[in-house]
Amino acid sequence: MGRVFHNTKMPKQVNEKTEKIFDGKKKAKLGTGTKPAVVNVQTEKRLKEVASLFEENGWIHEIELNPDKREDISDLERLLHPAQPIRAEKKVGRNDLCPCGSGQKHKKCCGK
């Protein structure tokens, strides 16, 4: 029998027409000097409340006081409640006991 070669593609060369999606640089963390949190508030009282939250946690921020704009504190919310990773539940194997409690293997009971 002869040798079998798989069809492999050579990586594309990057030229000025092709833009690079990932540059290999780490993204700046929100609330630091390179990427400060930006917040818009409408009143002076709210400005003091928000500024105290930033200062308590040591986050770098920019607060804009503008009564005509809608209040936007999404960066503050992101810093106060960071996204948690989602953990997948453990899957039942075919030959494990069925979780329904029948005593049979999962493949013969509920895993039909």
PDB file of N, CA and C in Angstrom:
ATOM      1  N   MET A   1       0.823  -1.187   0.000  1.00  0.00           N
ATOM      2  CA  MET A   1       0.000   0.000   0.000  1.00  0.00           C
ATOM      3  C   MET A   1       0.860   1.240   0.000  1.00  0.00           C
ATOM      4  N   GLY A   2       0.392   2.245  -0.655  1.00  0.00           N
ATOM      5  CA  GLY A   2       1.133   3.505  -0.718  1.00  0.00           C
ATOM      6  C   GLY A   2       0.863   4.372   0.504  1.00  0.00           C
ATOM      7  N   ARG A   3       1.602   5.415   0.613  1.00  0.00           N
ATOM      8  CA  ARG A   3       1.425   6.351   1.719  1.00  0.00           C
ATOM      9  C   ARG A   3       0.223   7.249   1.464  1.00  0.00           C
ATOM     10  N   VAL A   4      -0.443   7.592   2.534  1.00  0.00           N
ATOM     11  CA  VAL A   4      -1.595   8.485   2.451  1.00  0.00           C
ATOM     12  C   VAL A   4      -1.204   9.808   3.094  1.00  0.00           C
ATOM     13  N   PHE A   5      -1.372  10.878   2.350  1.00  0.00           N
ATOM     14  CA  PHE A   5      -1.077  12.210   2.869  1.00  0.00           C
ATOM     15  C   PHE A   5      -2.384  12.958   3.079  1.00  0.00           C
ATOM     16  N   HIS A   6      -2.489  13.602   4.216  1.00  0.00           N
ATOM     17  CA  HIS A   6      -3.676  14.402   4.493  1.00  0.00           C
ATOM     18  C   HIS A   6      -3.508  15.770   3.857  1.00  0.00           C
ATOM     19  N   ASN A   7      -4.615  16.332   3.459  1.00  0.00           N
ATOM     20  CA  ASN A   7      -4.602  17.650   2.850  1.00  0.00           C
ATOM     21  C   ASN A   7      -4.418  18.691   3.952  1.00  0.00           C
ATOM     22  N   THR A   8      -3.236  19.235   4.056  1.00  0.00           N
ATOM     23  CA  THR A   8      -2.975  20.251   5.074  1.00  0.00           C
ATOM     24  C   THR A   8      -2.817  21.599   4.398  1.00  0.00           C
ATOM     25  N   LYS A   9      -3.316  22.604   5.044  1.00  0.00           N
ATOM     26  CA  LYS A   9      -3.228  23.950   4.501  1.00  0.00           C
ATOM     27  C   LYS A   9      -2.054  24.668   5.141  1.00  0.00           C
ATOM     28  N   MET A  10      -1.344  25.396   4.355  1.00  0.00           N
ATOM     29  CA  MET A  10      -0.238  26.199   4.858  1.00  0.00           C
ATOM     30  C   MET A  10      -0.822  27.471   5.470  1.00  0.00           C
ATOM     31  N   PRO A  11      -0.232  27.970   6.549  1.00  0.00           N
ATOM     32  CA  PRO A  11      -0.765  29.206   7.141  1.00  0.00           C
ATOM     33  C   PRO A  11      -0.639  30.381   6.179  1.00  0.00           C
ATOM     34  N   LYS A  12      -1.660  31.219   6.214  1.00  0.00           N
ATOM     35  CA  LYS A  12      -1.662  32.390   5.337  1.00  0.00           C
ATOM     36  C   LYS A  12      -0.634  33.402   5.828  1.00  0.00           C
ATOM     37  N   GLN A  13      -0.012  34.050   4.903  1.00  0.00           N
ATOM     38  CA  GLN A  13       0.925  35.097   5.259  1.00  0.00           C
ATOM     39  C   GLN A  13       0.148  36.400   5.466  1.00  0.00           C
ATOM     40  N   VAL A  14       0.547  37.143   6.462  1.00  0.00           N
ATOM     41  CA  VAL A  14      -0.129  38.399   6.761  1.00  0.00           C
ATOM     42  C   VAL A  14       0.478  39.497   5.896  1.00  0.00           C
ATOM     43  N   ASN A  15      -0.376  40.154   5.139  1.00  0.00           N
ATOM     44  CA  ASN A  15       0.095  41.288   4.343  1.00  0.00           C
ATOM     45  C   ASN A  15      -0.709  42.522   4.729  1.00  0.00           C
ATOM     46  N   GLU A  16      -0.496  43.609   4.048  1.00  0.00           N
ATOM     47  CA  GLU A  16      -1.174  44.845   4.434  1.00  0.00           C
ATOM     48  C   GLU A  16      -2.675  44.793   4.212  1.00  0.00           C
ATOM     49  N   LYS A  17      -3.168  43.906   3.352  1.00  0.00           N
ATOM     50  CA  LYS A  17      -4.604  43.797   3.120  1.00  0.00           C
ATOM     51  C   LYS A  17      -5.280  42.954   4.201  1.00  0.00           C
ATOM     52  N   THR A  18      -4.565  41.965   4.742  1.00  0.00           N
ATOM     53  CA  THR A  18      -5.111  41.097   5.778  1.00  0.00           C
ATOM     54  C   THR A  18      -4.852  41.740   7.131  1.00  0.00           C
ATOM     55  N   GLU A  19      -5.904  41.917   7.917  1.00  0.00           N
ATOM     56  CA  GLU A  19      -5.685  42.519   9.224  1.00  0.00           C
ATOM     57  C   GLU A  19      -5.546  41.420  10.276  1.00  0.00           C
ATOM     58  N   LYS A  20      -4.698  41.673  11.232  1.00  0.00           N
ATOM     59  CA  LYS A  20      -4.417  40.715  12.267  1.00  0.00           C
ATOM     60  C   LYS A  20      -5.460  40.853  13.376  1.00  0.00           C
ATOM     61  N   ILE A  21      -6.081  39.759  13.763  1.00  0.00           N
ATOM     62  CA  ILE A  21      -7.137  39.801  14.761  1.00  0.00           C
ATOM     63  C   ILE A  21      -6.544  39.801  16.171  1.00  0.00           C
ATOM     64  N   PHE A  22      -5.613  38.915  16.444  1.00  0.00           N
ATOM     65  CA  PHE A  22      -5.007  38.823  17.776  1.00  0.00           C
ATOM     66  C   PHE A  22      -3.578  39.298  17.691  1.00  0.00           C
ATOM     67  N   ASP A  23      -3.251  40.323  18.476  1.00  0.00           N
ATOM     68  CA  ASP A  23      -1.903  40.878  18.402  1.00  0.00           C
ATOM     69  C   ASP A  23      -0.967  40.307  19.462  1.00  0.00           C
ATOM     70  N   GLY A  24      -1.471  39.419  20.343  1.00  0.00           N
ATOM     71  CA  GLY A  24      -0.626  38.789  21.340  1.00  0.00           C
ATOM     72  C   GLY A  24      -0.427  39.613  22.591  1.00  0.00           C
ATOM     73  N   LYS A  25      -0.987  40.799  22.645  1.00  0.00           N
ATOM     74  CA  LYS A  25      -0.842  41.655  23.819  1.00  0.00           C
ATOM     75  C   LYS A  25      -2.007  41.421  24.776  1.00  0.00           C
ATOM     76  N   LYS A  26      -1.715  41.468  26.056  1.00  0.00           N
ATOM     77  CA  LYS A  26      -2.722  41.272  27.075  1.00  0.00           C
ATOM     78  C   LYS A  26      -3.614  42.507  27.160  1.00  0.00           C
ATOM     79  N   LYS A  27      -4.908  42.286  27.314  1.00  0.00           N
ATOM     80  CA  LYS A  27      -5.859  43.386  27.442  1.00  0.00           C
ATOM     81  C   LYS A  27      -5.673  44.056  28.802  1.00  0.00           C
ATOM     82  N   ALA A  28      -5.878  45.357  28.850  1.00  0.00           N
ATOM     83  CA  ALA A  28      -5.740  46.111  30.102  1.00  0.00           C
ATOM     84  C   ALA A  28      -6.940  45.831  30.996  1.00  0.00           C
ATOM     85  N   LYS A  29      -6.692  45.740  32.287  1.00  0.00           N
ATOM     86  CA  LYS A  29      -7.741  45.478  33.263  1.00  0.00           C
ATOM     87  C   LYS A  29      -8.500  46.774  33.543  1.00  0.00           C
ATOM     88  N   LEU A  30      -9.817  46.657  33.649  1.00  0.00           N
ATOM     89  CA  LEU A  30     -10.675  47.805  33.912  1.00  0.00           C
ATOM     90  C   LEU A  30     -10.377  48.368  35.298  1.00  0.00           C
ATOM     91  N   GLY A  31     -10.286  49.678  35.404  1.00  0.00           N
ATOM     92  CA  GLY A  31     -10.033  50.338  36.676  1.00  0.00           C
ATOM     93  C   GLY A  31      -8.563  50.574  36.958  1.00  0.00           C
ATOM     94  N   THR A  32      -7.719  50.423  35.929  1.00  0.00           N
ATOM     95  CA  THR A  32      -6.290  50.679  36.081  1.00  0.00           C
ATOM     96  C   THR A  32      -5.921  51.952  35.336  1.00  0.00           C
ATOM     97  N   GLY A  33      -4.663  52.336  35.412  1.00  0.00           N
ATOM     98  CA  GLY A  33      -4.216  53.565  34.762  1.00  0.00           C
ATOM     99  C   GLY A  33      -4.324  53.518  33.252  1.00  0.00           C
ATOM    100  N   THR A  34      -4.125  52.345  32.647  1.00  0.00           N
ATOM    101  CA  THR A  34      -4.215  52.243  31.189  1.00  0.00           C
ATOM    102  C   THR A  34      -5.655  52.165  30.696  1.00  0.00           C
ATOM    103  N   LYS A  35      -6.577  51.686  31.547  1.00  0.00           N
ATOM    104  CA  LYS A  35      -7.989  51.610  31.159  1.00  0.00           C
ATOM    105  C   LYS A  35      -8.864  52.008  32.355  1.00  0.00           C
ATOM    106  N   PRO A  36      -9.004  53.301  32.591  1.00  0.00           N
ATOM    107  CA  PRO A  36      -9.815  53.727  33.737  1.00  0.00           C
ATOM    108  C   PRO A  36     -11.308  53.500  33.480  1.00  0.00           C
ATOM    109  N   ALA A  37     -12.047  53.330  34.561  1.00  0.00           N
ATOM    110  CA  ALA A  37     -13.500  53.177  34.459  1.00  0.00           C
ATOM    111  C   ALA A  37     -14.114  54.547  34.161  1.00  0.00           C
ATOM    112  N   VAL A  38     -15.018  54.592  33.186  1.00  0.00           N
ATOM    113  CA  VAL A  38     -15.659  55.843  32.786  1.00  0.00           C
ATOM    114  C   VAL A  38     -17.130  55.770  33.187  1.00  0.00           C
ATOM    115  N   VAL A  39     -17.588  56.799  33.928  1.00  0.00           N
ATOM    116  CA  VAL A  39     -18.945  56.821  34.463  1.00  0.00           C
ATOM    117  C   VAL A  39     -19.574  58.181  34.184  1.00  0.00           C
ATOM    118  N   ASN A  40     -20.866  58.193  33.845  1.00  0.00           N
ATOM    119  CA  ASN A  40     -21.631  59.431  33.657  1.00  0.00           C
ATOM    120  C   ASN A  40     -22.705  59.497  34.732  1.00  0.00           C
ATOM    121  N   VAL A  41     -22.792  60.635  35.436  1.00  0.00           N
ATOM    122  CA  VAL A  41     -23.833  60.843  36.449  1.00  0.00           C
ATOM    123  C   VAL A  41     -24.536  62.172  36.183  1.00  0.00           C
ATOM    124  N   GLN A  42     -25.725  62.351  36.821  1.00  0.00           N
ATOM    125  CA  GLN A  42     -26.522  63.544  36.557  1.00  0.00           C
ATOM    126  C   GLN A  42     -26.482  64.566  37.687  1.00  0.00           C
ATOM    127  N   THR A  43     -26.213  64.145  38.927  1.00  0.00           N
ATOM    128  CA  THR A  43     -26.258  65.087  40.050  1.00  0.00           C
ATOM    129  C   THR A  43     -24.932  65.082  40.816  1.00  0.00           C
ATOM    130  N   GLU A  44     -24.718  66.146  41.560  1.00  0.00           N
ATOM    131  CA  GLU A  44     -23.512  66.295  42.376  1.00  0.00           C
ATOM    132  C   GLU A  44     -23.498  65.265  43.511  1.00  0.00           C
ATOM    133  N   LYS A  45     -24.671  65.003  44.083  1.00  0.00           N
ATOM    134  CA  LYS A  45     -24.790  64.017  45.167  1.00  0.00           C
ATOM    135  C   LYS A  45     -24.388  62.623  44.678  1.00  0.00           C
ATOM    136  N   ARG A  46     -24.871  62.256  43.503  1.00  0.00           N
ATOM    137  CA  ARG A  46     -24.549  60.940  42.926  1.00  0.00           C
ATOM    138  C   ARG A  46     -23.070  60.867  42.586  1.00  0.00           C
ATOM    139  N   LEU A  47     -22.476  61.961  42.168  1.00  0.00           N
ATOM    140  CA  LEU A  47     -21.056  62.008  41.849  1.00  0.00           C
ATOM    141  C   LEU A  47     -20.224  61.675  43.093  1.00  0.00           C
ATOM    142  N   LYS A  48     -20.603  62.221  44.239  1.00  0.00           N
ATOM    143  CA  LYS A  48     -19.883  61.946  45.484  1.00  0.00           C
ATOM    144  C   LYS A  48     -20.024  60.482  45.901  1.00  0.00           C
ATOM    145  N   GLU A  49     -21.237  59.910  45.730  1.00  0.00           N
ATOM    146  CA  GLU A  49     -21.471  58.507  46.072  1.00  0.00           C
ATOM    147  C   GLU A  49     -20.594  57.579  45.227  1.00  0.00           C
ATOM    148  N   VAL A  50     -20.604  57.817  43.932  1.00  0.00           N
ATOM    149  CA  VAL A  50     -19.848  56.975  43.008  1.00  0.00           C
ATOM    150  C   VAL A  50     -18.353  57.138  43.226  1.00  0.00           C
ATOM    151  N   ALA A  51     -17.899  58.364  43.442  1.00  0.00           N
ATOM    152  CA  ALA A  51     -16.472  58.611  43.668  1.00  0.00           C
ATOM    153  C   ALA A  51     -15.994  57.916  44.935  1.00  0.00           C
ATOM    154  N   SER A  52     -16.829  57.891  45.979  1.00  0.00           N
ATOM    155  CA  SER A  52     -16.426  57.216  47.214  1.00  0.00           C
ATOM    156  C   SER A  52     -16.276  55.710  47.005  1.00  0.00           C
ATOM    157  N   LEU A  53     -17.148  55.114  46.170  1.00  0.00           N
ATOM    158  CA  LEU A  53     -17.027  53.679  45.862  1.00  0.00           C
ATOM    159  C   LEU A  53     -15.718  53.383  45.138  1.00  0.00           C
ATOM    160  N   PHE A  54     -15.369  54.229  44.175  1.00  0.00           N
ATOM    161  CA  PHE A  54     -14.118  54.027  43.442  1.00  0.00           C
ATOM    162  C   PHE A  54     -12.911  54.165  44.369  1.00  0.00           C
ATOM    163  N   GLU A  55     -12.945  55.174  45.232  1.00  0.00           N
ATOM    164  CA  GLU A  55     -11.804  55.434  46.107  1.00  0.00           C
ATOM    165  C   GLU A  55     -11.642  54.356  47.174  1.00  0.00           C
ATOM    166  N   GLU A  56     -12.757  53.791  47.682  1.00  0.00           N
ATOM    167  CA  GLU A  56     -12.686  52.710  48.656  1.00  0.00           C
ATOM    168  C   GLU A  56     -11.930  51.506  48.104  1.00  0.00           C
ATOM    169  N   ASN A  57     -12.160  51.216  46.824  1.00  0.00           N
ATOM    170  CA  ASN A  57     -11.565  50.034  46.203  1.00  0.00           C
ATOM    171  C   ASN A  57     -10.250  50.325  45.487  1.00  0.00           C
ATOM    172  N   GLY A  58      -9.870  51.598  45.374  1.00  0.00           N
ATOM    173  CA  GLY A  58      -8.607  51.955  44.738  1.00  0.00           C
ATOM    174  C   GLY A  58      -8.619  51.853  43.225  1.00  0.00           C
ATOM    175  N   TRP A  59      -9.781  51.997  42.598  1.00  0.00           N
ATOM    176  CA  TRP A  59      -9.890  51.929  41.151  1.00  0.00           C
ATOM    177  C   TRP A  59      -9.674  53.307  40.541  1.00  0.00           C
ATOM    178  N   ILE A  60      -8.987  53.351  39.418  1.00  0.00           N
ATOM    179  CA  ILE A  60      -8.792  54.588  38.666  1.00  0.00           C
ATOM    180  C   ILE A  60     -10.080  54.844  37.881  1.00  0.00           C
ATOM    181  N   HIS A  61     -10.548  56.084  37.878  1.00  0.00           N
ATOM    182  CA  HIS A  61     -11.846  56.375  37.260  1.00  0.00           C
ATOM    183  C   HIS A  61     -11.892  57.773  36.649  1.00  0.00           C
ATOM    184  N   GLU A  62     -12.872  57.957  35.782  1.00  0.00           N
ATOM    185  CA  GLU A  62     -13.208  59.259  35.213  1.00  0.00           C
ATOM    186  C   GLU A  62     -14.717  59.418  35.348  1.00  0.00           C
ATOM    187  N   ILE A  63     -15.134  60.458  36.066  1.00  0.00           N
ATOM    188  CA  ILE A  63     -16.563  60.687  36.278  1.00  0.00           C
ATOM    189  C   ILE A  63     -16.963  61.966  35.553  1.00  0.00           C
ATOM    190  N   GLU A  64     -18.012  61.866  34.746  1.00  0.00           N
ATOM    191  CA  GLU A  64     -18.517  63.023  34.010  1.00  0.00           C
ATOM    192  C   GLU A  64     -19.852  63.435  34.622  1.00  0.00           C
ATOM    193  N   LEU A  65     -19.964  64.689  35.015  1.00  0.00           N
ATOM    194  CA  LEU A  65     -21.203  65.236  35.565  1.00  0.00           C
ATOM    195  C   LEU A  65     -21.924  65.971  34.442  1.00  0.00           C
ATOM    196  N   ASN A  66     -23.028  65.392  33.968  1.00  0.00           N
ATOM    197  CA  ASN A  66     -23.786  65.988  32.874  1.00  0.00           C
ATOM    198  C   ASN A  66     -25.272  65.710  33.113  1.00  0.00           C
ATOM    199  N   PRO A  67     -26.046  66.714  33.541  1.00  0.00           N
ATOM    200  CA  PRO A  67     -27.465  66.501  33.829  1.00  0.00           C
ATOM    201  C   PRO A  67     -28.300  66.151  32.598  1.00  0.00           C
ATOM    202  N   ASP A  68     -27.796  66.459  31.400  1.00  0.00           N
ATOM    203  CA  ASP A  68     -28.562  66.186  30.180  1.00  0.00           C
ATOM    204  C   ASP A  68     -28.417  64.746  29.699  1.00  0.00           C
ATOM    205  N   LYS A  69     -27.317  64.089  30.053  1.00  0.00           N
ATOM    206  CA  LYS A  69     -27.088  62.703  29.633  1.00  0.00           C
ATOM    207  C   LYS A  69     -27.702  61.728  30.624  1.00  0.00           C
ATOM    208  N   ARG A  70     -28.039  60.549  30.112  1.00  0.00           N
ATOM    209  CA  ARG A  70     -28.559  59.476  30.955  1.00  0.00           C
ATOM    210  C   ARG A  70     -27.422  58.919  31.810  1.00  0.00           C
ATOM    211  N   GLU A  71     -27.713  58.532  33.058  1.00  0.00           N
ATOM    212  CA  GLU A  71     -26.687  57.998  33.952  1.00  0.00           C
ATOM    213  C   GLU A  71     -26.195  56.653  33.438  1.00  0.00           C
ATOM    214  N   ASP A  72     -24.885  56.493  33.400  1.00  0.00           N
ATOM    215  CA  ASP A  72     -24.272  55.255  32.920  1.00  0.00           C
ATOM    216  C   ASP A  72     -23.175  54.861  33.907  1.00  0.00           C
ATOM    217  N   ILE A  73     -23.455  53.855  34.722  1.00  0.00           N
ATOM    218  CA  ILE A  73     -22.464  53.375  35.686  1.00  0.00           C
ATOM    219  C   ILE A  73     -22.131  51.908  35.406  1.00  0.00           C
ATOM    220  N   SER A  74     -22.167  51.502  34.140  1.00  0.00           N
ATOM    221  CA  SER A  74     -21.936  50.105  33.790  1.00  0.00           C
ATOM    222  C   SER A  74     -20.517  49.648  34.138  1.00  0.00           C
ATOM    223  N   ASP A  75     -19.514  50.515  34.003  1.00  0.00           N
ATOM    224  CA  ASP A  75     -18.154  50.137  34.372  1.00  0.00           C
ATOM    225  C   ASP A  75     -18.047  49.884  35.873  1.00  0.00           C
ATOM    226  N   LEU A  76     -18.719  50.692  36.668  1.00  0.00           N
ATOM    227  CA  LEU A  76     -18.724  50.487  38.115  1.00  0.00           C
ATOM    228  C   LEU A  76     -19.393  49.161  38.470  1.00  0.00           C
ATOM    229  N   GLU A  77     -20.517  48.866  37.824  1.00  0.00           N
ATOM    230  CA  GLU A  77     -21.209  47.594  38.059  1.00  0.00           C
ATOM    231  C   GLU A  77     -20.312  46.412  37.702  1.00  0.00           C
ATOM    232  N   ARG A  78     -19.583  46.511  36.598  1.00  0.00           N
ATOM    233  CA  ARG A  78     -18.675  45.447  36.177  1.00  0.00           C
ATOM    234  C   ARG A  78     -17.558  45.222  37.197  1.00  0.00           C
ATOM    235  N   LEU A  79     -17.081  46.310  37.800  1.00  0.00           N
ATOM    236  CA  LEU A  79     -16.027  46.190  38.799  1.00  0.00           C
ATOM    237  C   LEU A  79     -16.553  45.631  40.125  1.00  0.00           C
ATOM    238  N   LEU A  80     -17.757  46.035  40.506  1.00  0.00           N
ATOM    239  CA  LEU A  80     -18.333  45.558  41.758  1.00  0.00           C
ATOM    240  C   LEU A  80     -18.771  44.096  41.680  1.00  0.00           C
ATOM    241  N   HIS A  81     -19.259  43.664  40.519  1.00  0.00           N
ATOM    242  CA  HIS A  81     -19.766  42.303  40.336  1.00  0.00           C
ATOM    243  C   HIS A  81     -19.089  41.669  39.119  1.00  0.00           C
ATOM    244  N   PRO A  82     -17.832  41.206  39.249  1.00  0.00           N
ATOM    245  CA  PRO A  82     -17.142  40.618  38.096  1.00  0.00           C
ATOM    246  C   PRO A  82     -17.793  39.306  37.663  1.00  0.00           C
ATOM    247  N   ALA A  83     -17.680  38.998  36.392  1.00  0.00           N
ATOM    248  CA  ALA A  83     -18.258  37.772  35.848  1.00  0.00           C
ATOM    249  C   ALA A  83     -17.537  36.555  36.416  1.00  0.00           C
ATOM    250  N   GLN A  84     -18.310  35.558  36.819  1.00  0.00           N
ATOM    251  CA  GLN A  84     -17.757  34.331  37.367  1.00  0.00           C
ATOM    252  C   GLN A  84     -17.761  33.261  36.281  1.00  0.00           C
ATOM    253  N   PRO A  85     -16.746  32.401  36.256  1.00  0.00           N
ATOM    254  CA  PRO A  85     -16.726  31.343  35.249  1.00  0.00           C
ATOM    255  C   PRO A  85     -17.842  30.325  35.508  1.00  0.00           C
ATOM    256  N   ILE A  86     -18.386  29.805  34.446  1.00  0.00           N
ATOM    257  CA  ILE A  86     -19.456  28.815  34.544  1.00  0.00           C
ATOM    258  C   ILE A  86     -18.821  27.434  34.623  1.00  0.00           C
ATOM    259  N   ARG A  87     -19.224  26.670  35.614  1.00  0.00           N
ATOM    260  CA  ARG A  87     -18.687  25.325  35.794  1.00  0.00           C
ATOM    261  C   ARG A  87     -19.700  24.315  35.267  1.00  0.00           C
ATOM    262  N   ALA A  88     -19.211  23.400  34.437  1.00  0.00           N
ATOM    263  CA  ALA A  88     -20.074  22.374  33.876  1.00  0.00           C
ATOM    264  C   ALA A  88     -20.316  21.287  34.914  1.00  0.00           C
ATOM    265  N   GLU A  89     -21.525  20.744  34.918  1.00  0.00           N
ATOM    266  CA  GLU A  89     -21.848  19.655  35.833  1.00  0.00           C
ATOM    267  C   GLU A  89     -21.159  18.382  35.364  1.00  0.00           C
ATOM    268  N   LYS A  90     -20.870  17.510  36.308  1.00  0.00           N
ATOM    269  CA  LYS A  90     -20.236  16.242  35.967  1.00  0.00           C
ATOM    270  C   LYS A  90     -21.247  15.383  35.229  1.00  0.00           C
ATOM    271  N   LYS A  91     -20.840  14.816  34.094  1.00  0.00           N
ATOM    272  CA  LYS A  91     -21.724  13.984  33.294  1.00  0.00           C
ATOM    273  C   LYS A  91     -21.713  12.558  33.828  1.00  0.00           C
ATOM    274  N   VAL A  92     -22.846  11.884  33.655  1.00  0.00           N
ATOM    275  CA  VAL A  92     -22.960  10.488  34.063  1.00  0.00           C
ATOM    276  C   VAL A  92     -22.420   9.626  32.933  1.00  0.00           C
ATOM    277  N   GLY A  93     -21.485   8.747  33.249  1.00  0.00           N
ATOM    278  CA  GLY A  93     -20.930   7.844  32.234  1.00  0.00           C
ATOM    279  C   GLY A  93     -21.904   6.732  31.903  1.00  0.00           C
ATOM    280  N   ARG A  94     -21.702   6.093  30.766  1.00  0.00           N
ATOM    281  CA  ARG A  94     -22.589   5.012  30.337  1.00  0.00           C
ATOM    282  C   ARG A  94     -22.622   3.860  31.334  1.00  0.00           C
ATOM    283  N   ASN A  95     -21.451   3.510  31.873  1.00  0.00           N
ATOM    284  CA  ASN A  95     -21.367   2.352  32.748  1.00  0.00           C
ATOM    285  C   ASN A  95     -21.432   2.709  34.230  1.00  0.00           C
ATOM    286  N   ASP A  96     -21.708   3.971  34.565  1.00  0.00           N
ATOM    287  CA  ASP A  96     -21.894   4.356  35.960  1.00  0.00           C
ATOM    288  C   ASP A  96     -23.298   3.978  36.403  1.00  0.00           C
ATOM    289  N   LEU A  97     -23.475   3.904  37.717  1.00  0.00           N
ATOM    290  CA  LEU A  97     -24.813   3.634  38.231  1.00  0.00           C
ATOM    291  C   LEU A  97     -25.720   4.814  37.918  1.00  0.00           C
ATOM    292  N   CYS A  98     -26.967   4.506  37.647  1.00  0.00           N
ATOM    293  CA  CYS A  98     -27.925   5.551  37.274  1.00  0.00           C
ATOM    294  C   CYS A  98     -28.216   6.448  38.468  1.00  0.00           C
ATOM    295  N   PRO A  99     -28.260   7.774  38.271  1.00  0.00           N
ATOM    296  CA  PRO A  99     -28.524   8.688  39.385  1.00  0.00           C
ATOM    297  C   PRO A  99     -29.967   8.621  39.901  1.00  0.00           C
ATOM    298  N   CYS A 100     -30.851   7.928  39.201  1.00  0.00           N
ATOM    299  CA  CYS A 100     -32.239   7.836  39.665  1.00  0.00           C
ATOM    300  C   CYS A 100     -32.376   6.890  40.853  1.00  0.00           C
ATOM    301  N   GLY A 101     -31.330   6.078  41.116  1.00  0.00           N
ATOM    302  CA  GLY A 101     -31.350   5.200  42.286  1.00  0.00           C
ATOM    303  C   GLY A 101     -31.860   3.803  42.007  1.00  0.00           C
ATOM    304  N   SER A 102     -31.995   3.410  40.753  1.00  0.00           N
ATOM    305  CA  SER A 102     -32.518   2.085  40.428  1.00  0.00           C
ATOM    306  C   SER A 102     -31.500   0.973  40.672  1.00  0.00           C
ATOM    307  N   GLY A 103     -30.213   1.320  40.707  1.00  0.00           N
ATOM    308  CA  GLY A 103     -29.179   0.311  40.896  1.00  0.00           C
ATOM    309  C   GLY A 103     -28.657  -0.270  39.584  1.00  0.00           C
ATOM    310  N   GLN A 104     -29.275   0.097  38.474  1.00  0.00           N
ATOM    311  CA  GLN A 104     -28.830  -0.390  37.168  1.00  0.00           C
ATOM    312  C   GLN A 104     -27.797   0.567  36.593  1.00  0.00           C
ATOM    313  N   LYS A 105     -27.123   0.083  35.539  1.00  0.00           N
ATOM    314  CA  LYS A 105     -26.207   0.974  34.827  1.00  0.00           C
ATOM    315  C   LYS A 105     -27.035   2.028  34.096  1.00  0.00           C
ATOM    316  N   HIS A 106     -26.422   3.201  33.923  1.00  0.00           N
ATOM    317  CA  HIS A 106     -27.121   4.312  33.282  1.00  0.00           C
ATOM    318  C   HIS A 106     -27.569   3.968  31.861  1.00  0.00           C
ATOM    319  N   LYS A 107     -26.757   3.195  31.137  1.00  0.00           N
ATOM    320  CA  LYS A 107     -27.089   2.881  29.738  1.00  0.00           C
ATOM    321  C   LYS A 107     -28.315   1.964  29.632  1.00  0.00           C
ATOM    322  N   LYS A 108     -28.624   1.204  30.701  1.00  0.00           N
ATOM    323  CA  LYS A 108     -29.771   0.301  30.658  1.00  0.00           C
ATOM    324  C   LYS A 108     -31.022   0.932  31.276  1.00  0.00           C
ATOM    325  N   CYS A 109     -30.826   2.021  32.022  1.00  0.00           N
ATOM    326  CA  CYS A 109     -31.963   2.620  32.739  1.00  0.00           C
ATOM    327  C   CYS A 109     -32.438   3.903  32.041  1.00  0.00           C
ATOM    328  N   CYS A 110     -31.858   5.027  32.394  1.00  0.00           N
ATOM    329  CA  CYS A 110     -32.302   6.331  31.881  1.00  0.00           C
ATOM    330  C   CYS A 110     -31.513   6.796  30.669  1.00  0.00           C
ATOM    331  N   GLY A 111     -30.451   6.139  30.318  1.00  0.00           N
ATOM    332  CA  GLY A 111     -29.601   6.608  29.221  1.00  0.00           C
ATOM    333  C   GLY A 111     -29.868   5.909  27.905  1.00  0.00           C
ATOM    334  N   LYS A 112     -31.093   5.517  27.670  1.00  0.00           N
ATOM    335  CA  LYS A 112     -31.440   4.742  26.475  1.00  0.00           C
ATOM    336  C   LYS A 112     -31.120   5.415  25.214  1.00  0.00           C
TER     337      LYS A 112
END
